Amino acid sequence: MRNLFVVVSLVFCISVSAQSMRQVWINLPDSVVPYLNESNRTELADYVSMNMDAVIQNHLKDTTRITALTRDYIDVRLSAASRLQMKLLPWSGGAADSILCVIQTYEGPAAESCLAFYEHNWRQVQIEQSLPDEFQLADARSFIQRPDSLSDEEYDELLSLVSPLYVKMDLSQTDNSLTVSVSLPPLSIDEQKRLEPYLLQRKLNWNGKRFN
């Protein structure tokens, strides 16, 4: 019986590892996006396969559109105010050889992203230090460069312009990287012009266990 359990477990791990992003998207739990059901998700994926505009009206009477779908990546504009990105990343921390990285971005006064990881059966995986410490702490100083010519007072004023800090994340379609940037709150034109020369975006690379 124990040997049978090992065989079944191995077959399960192999099968989930072999899933394409199309399958992951179609099998997405309804609880993740309550206003899209499996039929809706299948319809969108089929439109991509047929090289058609992959857009439907969701149950909120808003528009959902797949903007990119490859073997290991999907980018979906869920609604006018939300976006979903998923990427299958190589994984050396478990039985399966890949893990699902999910970024949900909500666009209110400023865009803000949430990062999570899942096994292919949608069990969430908690990865310690999945991002470097300065991003875990959402430190504004990670996103605003300070040249020597900038005084303490001027630098503090720049930091205050991005407080509270909203962080936006983007998964790359072409490689296993993550771009992290500050999302600006509503600012005046003069404040934007003052801040923009000092803004940084950071590219982090996946090493099999975390982004660094």
N, C-alpha and C. Protein backbone atom coordinates (compact mmCIF):
# COMPACT_ATOMS: atom_id res chain seq x y z
N MET A 1 0.83 -1.20 0.00
CA MET A 1 0.00 0.00 0.00
C MET A 1 0.87 1.25 0.00
N ARG A 2 1.94 1.22 0.81
CA ARG A 2 2.84 2.39 0.86
C ARG A 2 3.47 2.64 -0.50
N ASN A 3 3.90 1.54 -1.19
CA ASN A 3 4.51 1.70 -2.51
C ASN A 3 3.52 2.26 -3.51
N LEU A 4 2.24 1.85 -3.38
CA LEU A 4 1.21 2.37 -4.27
C LEU A 4 1.03 3.87 -4.04
N PHE A 5 1.05 4.29 -2.76
CA PHE A 5 0.92 5.71 -2.46
C PHE A 5 2.06 6.51 -3.06
N VAL A 6 3.28 5.98 -2.98
CA VAL A 6 4.44 6.67 -3.56
C VAL A 6 4.29 6.82 -5.05
N VAL A 7 3.82 5.75 -5.71
CA VAL A 7 3.65 5.80 -7.16
C VAL A 7 2.59 6.82 -7.54
N VAL A 8 1.45 6.81 -6.82
CA VAL A 8 0.38 7.76 -7.11
C VAL A 8 0.86 9.19 -6.91
N SER A 9 1.60 9.44 -5.83
CA SER A 9 2.12 10.77 -5.54
C SER A 9 3.07 11.21 -6.63
N LEU A 10 3.91 10.31 -7.11
CA LEU A 10 4.87 10.64 -8.16
C LEU A 10 4.14 10.99 -9.44
N VAL A 11 3.11 10.21 -9.78
CA VAL A 11 2.34 10.49 -10.99
C VAL A 11 1.67 11.85 -10.88
N PHE A 12 1.15 12.18 -9.67
CA PHE A 12 0.50 13.48 -9.47
C PHE A 12 1.49 14.61 -9.69
N CYS A 13 2.68 14.49 -9.11
CA CYS A 13 3.68 15.55 -9.26
C CYS A 13 4.09 15.74 -10.71
N ILE A 14 4.24 14.62 -11.43
CA ILE A 14 4.63 14.72 -12.84
C ILE A 14 3.52 15.38 -13.64
N SER A 15 2.24 15.02 -13.33
CA SER A 15 1.14 15.55 -14.12
C SER A 15 0.98 17.04 -13.89
N VAL A 16 1.09 17.52 -12.64
CA VAL A 16 0.92 18.95 -12.41
C VAL A 16 2.09 19.73 -12.97
N SER A 17 3.28 19.12 -12.95
CA SER A 17 4.44 19.83 -13.48
C SER A 17 4.32 20.01 -14.99
N ALA A 18 3.58 19.09 -15.63
CA ALA A 18 3.47 19.14 -17.08
C ALA A 18 2.36 20.07 -17.56
N GLN A 19 1.62 20.66 -16.64
CA GLN A 19 0.54 21.54 -17.05
C GLN A 19 1.07 22.76 -17.81
N SER A 20 0.32 23.15 -18.82
CA SER A 20 0.62 24.40 -19.51
C SER A 20 -0.11 25.52 -18.82
N MET A 21 0.26 26.77 -19.13
CA MET A 21 -0.43 27.89 -18.53
C MET A 21 -1.90 27.93 -18.96
N ARG A 22 -2.20 27.47 -20.15
CA ARG A 22 -3.60 27.39 -20.58
C ARG A 22 -4.39 26.53 -19.59
N GLN A 23 -3.84 25.36 -19.24
CA GLN A 23 -4.54 24.49 -18.30
C GLN A 23 -4.66 25.12 -16.92
N VAL A 24 -3.57 25.77 -16.48
CA VAL A 24 -3.60 26.44 -15.18
C VAL A 24 -4.69 27.50 -15.16
N TRP A 25 -4.78 28.28 -16.23
CA TRP A 25 -5.78 29.35 -16.32
C TRP A 25 -7.20 28.78 -16.30
N ILE A 26 -7.45 27.74 -17.07
CA ILE A 26 -8.79 27.16 -17.13
C ILE A 26 -9.16 26.55 -15.78
N ASN A 27 -8.19 25.95 -15.09
CA ASN A 27 -8.44 25.31 -13.80
C ASN A 27 -8.39 26.29 -12.63
N LEU A 28 -8.24 27.57 -12.91
CA LEU A 28 -8.19 28.59 -11.86
C LEU A 28 -9.43 28.47 -10.97
N PRO A 29 -9.25 28.40 -9.64
CA PRO A 29 -10.43 28.33 -8.76
C PRO A 29 -11.35 29.53 -8.97
N ASP A 30 -12.63 29.31 -8.99
CA ASP A 30 -13.58 30.41 -9.17
C ASP A 30 -13.43 31.47 -8.08
N SER A 31 -12.94 31.05 -6.90
CA SER A 31 -12.80 32.00 -5.80
C SER A 31 -11.73 33.06 -6.07
N VAL A 32 -10.79 32.77 -6.97
CA VAL A 32 -9.74 33.73 -7.27
C VAL A 32 -10.32 34.91 -8.06
N VAL A 33 -11.13 34.58 -9.05
CA VAL A 33 -11.81 35.62 -9.84
C VAL A 33 -13.29 35.23 -9.90
N PRO A 34 -14.08 35.65 -8.92
CA PRO A 34 -15.46 35.18 -8.82
C PRO A 34 -16.34 35.54 -10.01
N TYR A 35 -15.97 36.56 -10.76
CA TYR A 35 -16.82 37.00 -11.86
C TYR A 35 -16.43 36.36 -13.20
N LEU A 36 -15.60 35.31 -13.16
CA LEU A 36 -15.29 34.51 -14.34
C LEU A 36 -15.41 33.04 -13.97
N ASN A 37 -16.19 32.26 -14.72
CA ASN A 37 -16.27 30.83 -14.45
C ASN A 37 -15.40 30.05 -15.43
N GLU A 38 -15.37 28.75 -15.28
CA GLU A 38 -14.51 27.91 -16.13
C GLU A 38 -14.87 28.06 -17.61
N SER A 39 -16.15 28.18 -17.89
CA SER A 39 -16.57 28.35 -19.29
C SER A 39 -16.02 29.66 -19.86
N ASN A 40 -16.07 30.72 -19.07
CA ASN A 40 -15.52 32.01 -19.51
C ASN A 40 -14.03 31.90 -19.77
N ARG A 41 -13.32 31.26 -18.85
CA ARG A 41 -11.86 31.15 -18.99
C ARG A 41 -11.47 30.30 -20.20
N THR A 42 -12.24 29.24 -20.43
CA THR A 42 -12.00 28.39 -21.60
C THR A 42 -12.24 29.17 -22.89
N GLU A 43 -13.31 29.94 -22.91
CA GLU A 43 -13.64 30.74 -24.09
C GLU A 43 -12.51 31.71 -24.42
N LEU A 44 -11.98 32.38 -23.41
CA LEU A 44 -10.88 33.32 -23.63
C LEU A 44 -9.64 32.60 -24.17
N ALA A 45 -9.30 31.45 -23.57
CA ALA A 45 -8.14 30.70 -24.03
C ALA A 45 -8.32 30.21 -25.45
N ASP A 46 -9.53 29.82 -25.81
CA ASP A 46 -9.81 29.36 -27.18
C ASP A 46 -9.64 30.51 -28.17
N TYR A 47 -10.06 31.71 -27.79
CA TYR A 47 -9.88 32.87 -28.67
C TYR A 47 -8.38 33.09 -28.96
N VAL A 48 -7.54 32.92 -27.93
CA VAL A 48 -6.10 33.07 -28.13
C VAL A 48 -5.61 32.01 -29.12
N SER A 49 -6.05 30.77 -28.94
CA SER A 49 -5.64 29.68 -29.84
C SER A 49 -6.04 29.95 -31.28
N MET A 50 -7.15 30.65 -31.47
CA MET A 50 -7.65 30.94 -32.82
C MET A 50 -7.14 32.29 -33.34
N ASN A 51 -6.18 32.88 -32.60
CA ASN A 51 -5.62 34.19 -32.98
C ASN A 51 -6.69 35.26 -33.11
N MET A 52 -7.68 35.18 -32.23
CA MET A 52 -8.74 36.18 -32.18
C MET A 52 -8.53 37.10 -30.98
N ASP A 53 -9.22 38.21 -30.97
CA ASP A 53 -9.17 39.12 -29.84
C ASP A 53 -9.80 38.43 -28.63
N ALA A 54 -8.99 38.14 -27.61
CA ALA A 54 -9.45 37.35 -26.46
C ALA A 54 -10.09 38.26 -25.44
N VAL A 55 -11.34 38.62 -25.69
CA VAL A 55 -12.05 39.54 -24.81
C VAL A 55 -13.50 39.09 -24.66
N ILE A 56 -14.02 39.17 -23.42
CA ILE A 56 -15.42 38.86 -23.15
C ILE A 56 -15.95 39.86 -22.13
N GLN A 57 -17.24 39.86 -21.96
CA GLN A 57 -17.86 40.62 -20.87
C GLN A 57 -17.99 39.69 -19.67
N ASN A 58 -17.42 40.09 -18.52
CA ASN A 58 -17.50 39.26 -17.33
C ASN A 58 -18.82 39.48 -16.59
N HIS A 59 -18.97 38.78 -15.45
CA HIS A 59 -20.24 38.84 -14.73
C HIS A 59 -20.43 40.16 -13.98
N LEU A 60 -19.43 41.02 -13.98
CA LEU A 60 -19.58 42.37 -13.43
C LEU A 60 -19.97 43.37 -14.52
N LYS A 61 -20.24 42.85 -15.73
CA LYS A 61 -20.56 43.69 -16.89
C LYS A 61 -19.37 44.57 -17.28
N ASP A 62 -18.18 44.13 -16.91
CA ASP A 62 -16.94 44.79 -17.29
C ASP A 62 -16.25 43.91 -18.34
N THR A 63 -15.12 44.37 -18.84
CA THR A 63 -14.41 43.63 -19.89
C THR A 63 -13.22 42.89 -19.30
N THR A 64 -13.06 41.62 -19.69
CA THR A 64 -11.88 40.83 -19.36
C THR A 64 -11.17 40.47 -20.65
N ARG A 65 -9.86 40.65 -20.68
CA ARG A 65 -9.09 40.42 -21.90
C ARG A 65 -7.77 39.73 -21.57
N ILE A 66 -7.43 38.67 -22.28
CA ILE A 66 -6.09 38.08 -22.20
C ILE A 66 -5.19 38.85 -23.16
N THR A 67 -4.15 39.47 -22.63
CA THR A 67 -3.24 40.23 -23.48
C THR A 67 -2.01 39.42 -23.89
N ALA A 68 -1.71 38.34 -23.16
CA ALA A 68 -0.59 37.46 -23.52
C ALA A 68 -0.83 36.10 -22.90
N LEU A 69 -0.58 35.05 -23.67
CA LEU A 69 -0.69 33.68 -23.18
C LEU A 69 0.34 32.82 -23.90
N THR A 70 1.29 32.28 -23.12
CA THR A 70 2.30 31.37 -23.67
C THR A 70 2.27 30.08 -22.85
N ARG A 71 3.22 29.22 -23.11
CA ARG A 71 3.27 27.94 -22.40
C ARG A 71 3.40 28.13 -20.89
N ASP A 72 4.11 29.20 -20.47
CA ASP A 72 4.37 29.34 -19.04
C ASP A 72 3.98 30.70 -18.46
N TYR A 73 3.22 31.50 -19.23
CA TYR A 73 2.93 32.87 -18.79
C TYR A 73 1.56 33.30 -19.29
N ILE A 74 0.87 34.09 -18.43
CA ILE A 74 -0.39 34.70 -18.86
C ILE A 74 -0.50 36.09 -18.23
N ASP A 75 -1.05 37.01 -19.01
CA ASP A 75 -1.32 38.37 -18.55
C ASP A 75 -2.77 38.67 -18.91
N VAL A 76 -3.58 38.95 -17.88
CA VAL A 76 -5.01 39.14 -18.08
C VAL A 76 -5.43 40.48 -17.49
N ARG A 77 -6.07 41.29 -18.30
CA ARG A 77 -6.73 42.49 -17.79
C ARG A 77 -8.12 42.04 -17.33
N LEU A 78 -8.26 41.82 -16.02
CA LEU A 78 -9.50 41.25 -15.49
C LEU A 78 -10.66 42.24 -15.59
N SER A 79 -10.36 43.51 -15.32
CA SER A 79 -11.38 44.55 -15.36
C SER A 79 -10.67 45.88 -15.54
N ALA A 80 -11.43 46.94 -15.54
CA ALA A 80 -10.81 48.25 -15.69
C ALA A 80 -9.87 48.58 -14.54
N ALA A 81 -10.04 47.91 -13.40
CA ALA A 81 -9.25 48.26 -12.22
C ALA A 81 -8.39 47.13 -11.69
N SER A 82 -8.28 46.03 -12.41
CA SER A 82 -7.47 44.91 -11.89
C SER A 82 -6.81 44.13 -13.02
N ARG A 83 -5.66 43.56 -12.67
CA ARG A 83 -4.85 42.81 -13.62
C ARG A 83 -4.30 41.56 -12.93
N LEU A 84 -4.18 40.48 -13.68
CA LEU A 84 -3.64 39.22 -13.16
C LEU A 84 -2.50 38.76 -14.06
N GLN A 85 -1.36 38.45 -13.45
CA GLN A 85 -0.24 37.83 -14.16
C GLN A 85 0.13 36.54 -13.45
N MET A 86 0.41 35.50 -14.24
CA MET A 86 0.87 34.23 -13.67
C MET A 86 2.04 33.71 -14.50
N LYS A 87 2.97 33.09 -13.80
CA LYS A 87 4.16 32.56 -14.46
C LYS A 87 4.56 31.25 -13.80
N LEU A 88 4.83 30.23 -14.60
CA LEU A 88 5.37 28.97 -14.09
C LEU A 88 6.88 29.10 -14.00
N LEU A 89 7.40 29.00 -12.78
CA LEU A 89 8.82 29.19 -12.54
C LEU A 89 9.47 27.87 -12.13
N PRO A 90 10.72 27.62 -12.54
CA PRO A 90 11.42 26.42 -12.07
C PRO A 90 11.54 26.45 -10.55
N TRP A 91 11.34 25.30 -9.92
CA TRP A 91 11.22 25.24 -8.47
C TRP A 91 12.11 24.13 -7.92
N SER A 92 12.99 24.49 -7.00
CA SER A 92 13.86 23.51 -6.36
C SER A 92 13.51 23.32 -4.90
N GLY A 93 12.32 23.79 -4.50
CA GLY A 93 11.94 23.70 -3.09
C GLY A 93 10.85 22.70 -2.80
N GLY A 94 10.50 21.84 -3.76
CA GLY A 94 9.43 20.89 -3.51
C GLY A 94 9.50 19.71 -4.47
N ALA A 95 8.45 18.86 -4.44
CA ALA A 95 8.44 17.66 -5.26
C ALA A 95 8.26 17.98 -6.74
N ALA A 96 7.41 18.96 -7.05
CA ALA A 96 7.21 19.35 -8.44
C ALA A 96 8.39 20.18 -8.92
N ASP A 97 8.58 20.23 -10.25
CA ASP A 97 9.74 20.96 -10.78
C ASP A 97 9.41 22.40 -11.13
N SER A 98 8.17 22.84 -10.88
CA SER A 98 7.83 24.23 -11.12
C SER A 98 6.81 24.70 -10.08
N ILE A 99 6.74 26.00 -9.92
CA ILE A 99 5.81 26.62 -8.98
C ILE A 99 5.11 27.76 -9.70
N LEU A 100 3.89 28.04 -9.29
CA LEU A 100 3.11 29.07 -9.94
C LEU A 100 3.24 30.38 -9.17
N CYS A 101 3.77 31.39 -9.84
CA CYS A 101 3.89 32.73 -9.27
C CYS A 101 2.71 33.56 -9.77
N VAL A 102 2.00 34.19 -8.84
CA VAL A 102 0.78 34.94 -9.18
C VAL A 102 0.91 36.36 -8.66
N ILE A 103 0.68 37.32 -9.55
CA ILE A 103 0.65 38.73 -9.16
C ILE A 103 -0.72 39.29 -9.52
N GLN A 104 -1.39 39.84 -8.52
CA GLN A 104 -2.64 40.54 -8.74
C GLN A 104 -2.41 42.02 -8.45
N THR A 105 -2.77 42.84 -9.40
CA THR A 105 -2.56 44.28 -9.29
C THR A 105 -3.90 44.99 -9.29
N TYR A 106 -4.08 45.84 -8.29
CA TYR A 106 -5.32 46.60 -8.15
C TYR A 106 -5.02 48.08 -8.37
N GLU A 107 -5.78 48.70 -9.21
CA GLU A 107 -5.50 50.07 -9.61
C GLU A 107 -6.55 51.00 -9.03
N GLY A 108 -6.21 51.61 -7.90
CA GLY A 108 -7.08 52.61 -7.29
C GLY A 108 -6.48 53.97 -7.56
N PRO A 109 -6.26 54.74 -6.50
CA PRO A 109 -5.54 56.00 -6.70
C PRO A 109 -4.14 55.75 -7.27
N ALA A 110 -3.57 54.60 -6.89
CA ALA A 110 -2.28 54.16 -7.44
C ALA A 110 -2.33 52.64 -7.54
N ALA A 111 -1.57 52.08 -8.47
CA ALA A 111 -1.55 50.63 -8.64
C ALA A 111 -0.78 49.98 -7.50
N GLU A 112 -1.31 48.87 -6.98
CA GLU A 112 -0.64 48.14 -5.91
C GLU A 112 -0.74 46.65 -6.20
N SER A 113 0.39 45.94 -6.08
CA SER A 113 0.45 44.53 -6.45
C SER A 113 0.61 43.64 -5.23
N CYS A 114 0.04 42.43 -5.34
CA CYS A 114 0.19 41.39 -4.33
C CYS A 114 0.86 40.19 -4.98
N LEU A 115 1.86 39.62 -4.31
CA LEU A 115 2.63 38.50 -4.83
C LEU A 115 2.32 37.25 -4.02
N ALA A 116 2.07 36.13 -4.71
CA ALA A 116 1.81 34.87 -4.02
C ALA A 116 2.33 33.71 -4.86
N PHE A 117 2.55 32.57 -4.21
CA PHE A 117 3.04 31.37 -4.88
C PHE A 117 2.12 30.20 -4.56
N TYR A 118 1.91 29.34 -5.57
CA TYR A 118 1.01 28.21 -5.41
C TYR A 118 1.60 26.96 -6.05
N GLU A 119 1.29 25.81 -5.44
CA GLU A 119 1.49 24.56 -6.14
C GLU A 119 0.40 24.45 -7.20
N HIS A 120 0.55 23.48 -8.08
CA HIS A 120 -0.37 23.42 -9.21
C HIS A 120 -1.78 22.97 -8.82
N ASN A 121 -1.93 22.46 -7.58
CA ASN A 121 -3.27 22.13 -7.08
C ASN A 121 -3.86 23.30 -6.31
N TRP A 122 -3.23 24.47 -6.42
CA TRP A 122 -3.67 25.72 -5.81
C TRP A 122 -3.55 25.72 -4.29
N ARG A 123 -2.62 24.93 -3.77
CA ARG A 123 -2.26 25.07 -2.36
C ARG A 123 -1.19 26.15 -2.28
N GLN A 124 -1.45 27.18 -1.47
CA GLN A 124 -0.50 28.30 -1.40
C GLN A 124 0.78 27.87 -0.70
N VAL A 125 1.90 28.34 -1.22
CA VAL A 125 3.22 28.05 -0.67
C VAL A 125 3.79 29.33 -0.07
N GLN A 126 4.14 29.27 1.20
CA GLN A 126 4.76 30.41 1.85
C GLN A 126 6.27 30.33 1.66
N ILE A 127 6.83 31.29 0.94
CA ILE A 127 8.27 31.31 0.68
C ILE A 127 8.89 32.43 1.51
N GLU A 128 9.72 32.07 2.46
CA GLU A 128 10.38 33.08 3.28
C GLU A 128 11.35 33.88 2.43
N GLN A 129 11.32 35.18 2.60
CA GLN A 129 12.19 36.09 1.86
C GLN A 129 12.09 35.86 0.36
N SER A 130 10.85 35.76 -0.13
CA SER A 130 10.65 35.60 -1.57
C SER A 130 11.15 36.82 -2.33
N LEU A 131 11.25 37.97 -1.63
CA LEU A 131 11.84 39.19 -2.17
C LEU A 131 12.92 39.66 -1.19
N PRO A 132 13.90 40.43 -1.67
CA PRO A 132 14.89 40.99 -0.75
C PRO A 132 14.23 41.82 0.35
N ASP A 133 14.92 41.96 1.48
CA ASP A 133 14.34 42.59 2.66
C ASP A 133 13.78 43.98 2.38
N GLU A 134 14.49 44.77 1.57
CA GLU A 134 14.03 46.15 1.38
C GLU A 134 12.68 46.21 0.67
N PHE A 135 12.35 45.16 -0.09
CA PHE A 135 11.04 45.13 -0.74
C PHE A 135 9.99 44.55 0.18
N GLN A 136 10.39 43.61 1.03
CA GLN A 136 9.47 43.09 2.03
C GLN A 136 8.99 44.22 2.95
N LEU A 137 9.89 45.13 3.27
CA LEU A 137 9.57 46.23 4.17
C LEU A 137 8.95 47.42 3.45
N ALA A 138 8.90 47.34 2.13
CA ALA A 138 8.33 48.43 1.32
C ALA A 138 8.98 49.76 1.69
N ASP A 139 10.30 49.78 1.58
CA ASP A 139 11.08 50.97 1.92
C ASP A 139 11.18 51.88 0.70
N ALA A 140 10.68 53.11 0.83
CA ALA A 140 10.68 54.04 -0.30
C ALA A 140 12.09 54.35 -0.78
N ARG A 141 13.07 54.23 0.10
CA ARG A 141 14.45 54.53 -0.29
C ARG A 141 14.99 53.53 -1.31
N SER A 142 14.31 52.39 -1.48
CA SER A 142 14.72 51.42 -2.50
C SER A 142 14.33 51.87 -3.90
N PHE A 143 13.48 52.89 -3.99
CA PHE A 143 12.95 53.30 -5.28
C PHE A 143 13.32 54.73 -5.65
N ILE A 144 13.99 55.44 -4.76
CA ILE A 144 14.37 56.82 -5.04
C ILE A 144 15.88 56.96 -4.85
N GLN A 145 16.57 57.23 -5.94
CA GLN A 145 18.02 57.39 -5.86
C GLN A 145 18.37 58.74 -5.23
N ARG A 146 19.52 58.76 -4.60
CA ARG A 146 19.94 60.00 -3.96
C ARG A 146 21.34 60.39 -4.42
N PRO A 147 21.43 61.32 -5.35
CA PRO A 147 22.76 61.80 -5.76
C PRO A 147 23.38 62.63 -4.64
N ASP A 148 24.69 62.79 -4.70
CA ASP A 148 25.40 63.54 -3.66
C ASP A 148 24.92 64.99 -3.57
N SER A 149 24.43 65.51 -4.67
CA SER A 149 24.00 66.92 -4.69
C SER A 149 22.69 67.17 -3.95
N LEU A 150 22.00 66.09 -3.56
CA LEU A 150 20.69 66.22 -2.93
C LEU A 150 20.85 66.31 -1.41
N SER A 151 20.32 67.36 -0.83
CA SER A 151 20.44 67.55 0.62
C SER A 151 19.49 66.62 1.37
N ASP A 152 19.72 66.47 2.67
CA ASP A 152 18.84 65.65 3.49
C ASP A 152 17.40 66.15 3.41
N GLU A 153 17.24 67.43 3.46
CA GLU A 153 15.90 68.01 3.43
C GLU A 153 15.20 67.74 2.10
N GLU A 154 15.93 67.91 1.00
CA GLU A 154 15.35 67.66 -0.32
C GLU A 154 14.98 66.18 -0.48
N TYR A 155 15.85 65.31 0.01
CA TYR A 155 15.61 63.87 -0.10
C TYR A 155 14.37 63.47 0.72
N ASP A 156 14.25 64.00 1.92
CA ASP A 156 13.10 63.71 2.76
C ASP A 156 11.81 64.20 2.10
N GLU A 157 11.90 65.32 1.41
CA GLU A 157 10.72 65.84 0.72
C GLU A 157 10.30 64.91 -0.42
N LEU A 158 11.28 64.37 -1.13
CA LEU A 158 10.97 63.42 -2.20
C LEU A 158 10.32 62.16 -1.63
N LEU A 159 10.86 61.66 -0.54
CA LEU A 159 10.29 60.47 0.09
C LEU A 159 8.84 60.72 0.52
N SER A 160 8.58 61.92 0.97
CA SER A 160 7.22 62.23 1.43
C SER A 160 6.21 62.21 0.28
N LEU A 161 6.69 62.44 -0.94
CA LEU A 161 5.78 62.45 -2.09
C LEU A 161 5.25 61.06 -2.42
N VAL A 162 5.95 60.02 -2.00
CA VAL A 162 5.50 58.64 -2.27
C VAL A 162 5.03 57.96 -1.00
N SER A 163 4.57 58.75 -0.07
CA SER A 163 4.02 58.21 1.17
C SER A 163 2.52 58.47 1.22
N PRO A 164 1.70 57.42 1.39
CA PRO A 164 2.08 56.02 1.59
C PRO A 164 2.61 55.39 0.31
N LEU A 165 3.47 54.39 0.47
CA LEU A 165 4.15 53.77 -0.67
C LEU A 165 3.28 52.69 -1.29
N TYR A 166 3.10 52.78 -2.61
CA TYR A 166 2.41 51.74 -3.37
C TYR A 166 3.43 51.10 -4.31
N VAL A 167 3.51 49.78 -4.26
CA VAL A 167 4.51 49.06 -5.06
C VAL A 167 3.80 48.26 -6.15
N LYS A 168 4.30 48.41 -7.36
CA LYS A 168 3.76 47.68 -8.51
C LYS A 168 4.79 46.65 -8.98
N MET A 169 4.32 45.45 -9.33
CA MET A 169 5.19 44.37 -9.78
C MET A 169 4.74 43.89 -11.16
N ASP A 170 5.72 43.51 -11.98
CA ASP A 170 5.45 42.98 -13.32
C ASP A 170 6.31 41.76 -13.57
N LEU A 171 5.67 40.64 -13.91
CA LEU A 171 6.40 39.44 -14.30
C LEU A 171 6.78 39.55 -15.77
N SER A 172 7.99 39.10 -16.09
CA SER A 172 8.43 39.12 -17.47
C SER A 172 7.84 37.95 -18.24
N GLN A 173 7.44 38.21 -19.46
CA GLN A 173 6.96 37.14 -20.33
C GLN A 173 8.11 36.32 -20.89
N THR A 174 9.27 36.94 -21.06
CA THR A 174 10.37 36.30 -21.80
C THR A 174 11.43 35.65 -20.92
N ASP A 175 11.51 36.03 -19.65
CA ASP A 175 12.47 35.39 -18.76
C ASP A 175 11.88 35.30 -17.36
N ASN A 176 12.66 34.74 -16.42
CA ASN A 176 12.15 34.51 -15.07
C ASN A 176 12.52 35.67 -14.15
N SER A 177 12.11 36.85 -14.53
CA SER A 177 12.43 38.04 -13.75
C SER A 177 11.16 38.77 -13.33
N LEU A 178 11.34 39.63 -12.34
CA LEU A 178 10.26 40.43 -11.79
C LEU A 178 10.73 41.87 -11.69
N THR A 179 9.96 42.78 -12.24
CA THR A 179 10.28 44.21 -12.14
C THR A 179 9.42 44.83 -11.05
N VAL A 180 10.09 45.54 -10.14
CA VAL A 180 9.40 46.17 -9.01
C VAL A 180 9.61 47.67 -9.12
N SER A 181 8.53 48.42 -9.03
CA SER A 181 8.62 49.87 -9.14
C SER A 181 7.62 50.53 -8.21
N VAL A 182 7.85 51.80 -7.95
CA VAL A 182 6.91 52.56 -7.13
C VAL A 182 5.77 53.04 -8.01
N SER A 183 4.57 52.98 -7.47
CA SER A 183 3.40 53.47 -8.18
C SER A 183 3.00 54.80 -7.54
N LEU A 184 3.00 55.84 -8.32
CA LEU A 184 2.82 57.17 -7.76
C LEU A 184 1.37 57.42 -7.37
N PRO A 185 1.16 57.98 -6.18
CA PRO A 185 -0.18 58.45 -5.80
C PRO A 185 -0.51 59.69 -6.61
N PRO A 186 -1.74 60.19 -6.53
CA PRO A 186 -2.07 61.43 -7.24
C PRO A 186 -1.16 62.57 -6.81
N LEU A 187 -0.46 63.14 -7.79
CA LEU A 187 0.46 64.25 -7.54
C LEU A 187 0.18 65.37 -8.53
N SER A 188 0.61 66.54 -8.18
CA SER A 188 0.51 67.65 -9.12
C SER A 188 1.55 67.45 -10.22
N ILE A 189 1.39 68.15 -11.33
CA ILE A 189 2.34 68.05 -12.43
C ILE A 189 3.73 68.47 -11.97
N ASP A 190 3.82 69.50 -11.18
CA ASP A 190 5.12 69.96 -10.68
C ASP A 190 5.77 68.92 -9.78
N GLU A 191 4.97 68.26 -8.94
CA GLU A 191 5.51 67.21 -8.06
C GLU A 191 6.01 66.02 -8.86
N GLN A 192 5.27 65.65 -9.89
CA GLN A 192 5.70 64.53 -10.75
C GLN A 192 7.02 64.85 -11.43
N LYS A 193 7.12 66.06 -11.99
CA LYS A 193 8.35 66.45 -12.68
C LYS A 193 9.53 66.48 -11.71
N ARG A 194 9.28 66.87 -10.50
CA ARG A 194 10.34 66.94 -9.50
C ARG A 194 10.81 65.55 -9.10
N LEU A 195 9.89 64.60 -9.04
CA LEU A 195 10.20 63.26 -8.53
C LEU A 195 10.76 62.32 -9.60
N GLU A 196 10.27 62.43 -10.82
CA GLU A 196 10.56 61.44 -11.86
C GLU A 196 12.06 61.23 -12.13
N PRO A 197 12.91 62.26 -12.11
CA PRO A 197 14.34 62.00 -12.38
C PRO A 197 15.01 61.09 -11.36
N TYR A 198 14.40 60.92 -10.20
CA TYR A 198 15.03 60.16 -9.12
C TYR A 198 14.41 58.78 -8.92
N LEU A 199 13.37 58.48 -9.69
CA LEU A 199 12.69 57.21 -9.51
C LEU A 199 13.51 56.05 -10.08
N LEU A 200 13.48 54.93 -9.37
CA LEU A 200 14.16 53.72 -9.80
C LEU A 200 13.15 52.60 -9.97
N GLN A 201 13.43 51.70 -10.88
CA GLN A 201 12.74 50.42 -10.89
C GLN A 201 13.78 49.33 -10.79
N ARG A 202 13.44 48.27 -10.11
CA ARG A 202 14.40 47.21 -9.82
C ARG A 202 13.99 45.92 -10.51
N LYS A 203 14.95 45.28 -11.16
CA LYS A 203 14.69 43.99 -11.79
C LYS A 203 15.30 42.89 -10.92
N LEU A 204 14.47 41.96 -10.51
CA LEU A 204 14.89 40.84 -9.67
C LEU A 204 14.80 39.55 -10.46
N ASN A 205 15.77 38.67 -10.29
CA ASN A 205 15.82 37.41 -11.02
C ASN A 205 15.49 36.24 -10.11
N TRP A 206 14.76 35.29 -10.63
CA TRP A 206 14.36 34.09 -9.90
C TRP A 206 15.52 33.09 -9.90
N ASN A 207 15.88 32.59 -8.73
CA ASN A 207 17.02 31.65 -8.63
C ASN A 207 16.60 30.21 -8.36
N GLY A 208 15.32 29.92 -8.50
CA GLY A 208 14.82 28.59 -8.23
C GLY A 208 14.11 28.48 -6.90
N LYS A 209 14.36 29.46 -6.02
CA LYS A 209 13.74 29.45 -4.70
C LYS A 209 13.13 30.81 -4.31
N ARG A 210 13.67 31.89 -4.89
CA ARG A 210 13.20 33.23 -4.53
C ARG A 210 13.69 34.23 -5.58
N PHE A 211 13.14 35.43 -5.52
CA PHE A 211 13.63 36.52 -6.37
C PHE A 211 14.74 37.27 -5.62
N ASN A 212 15.83 37.56 -6.33
CA ASN A 212 16.90 38.33 -5.69
C ASN A 212 17.62 39.19 -6.72
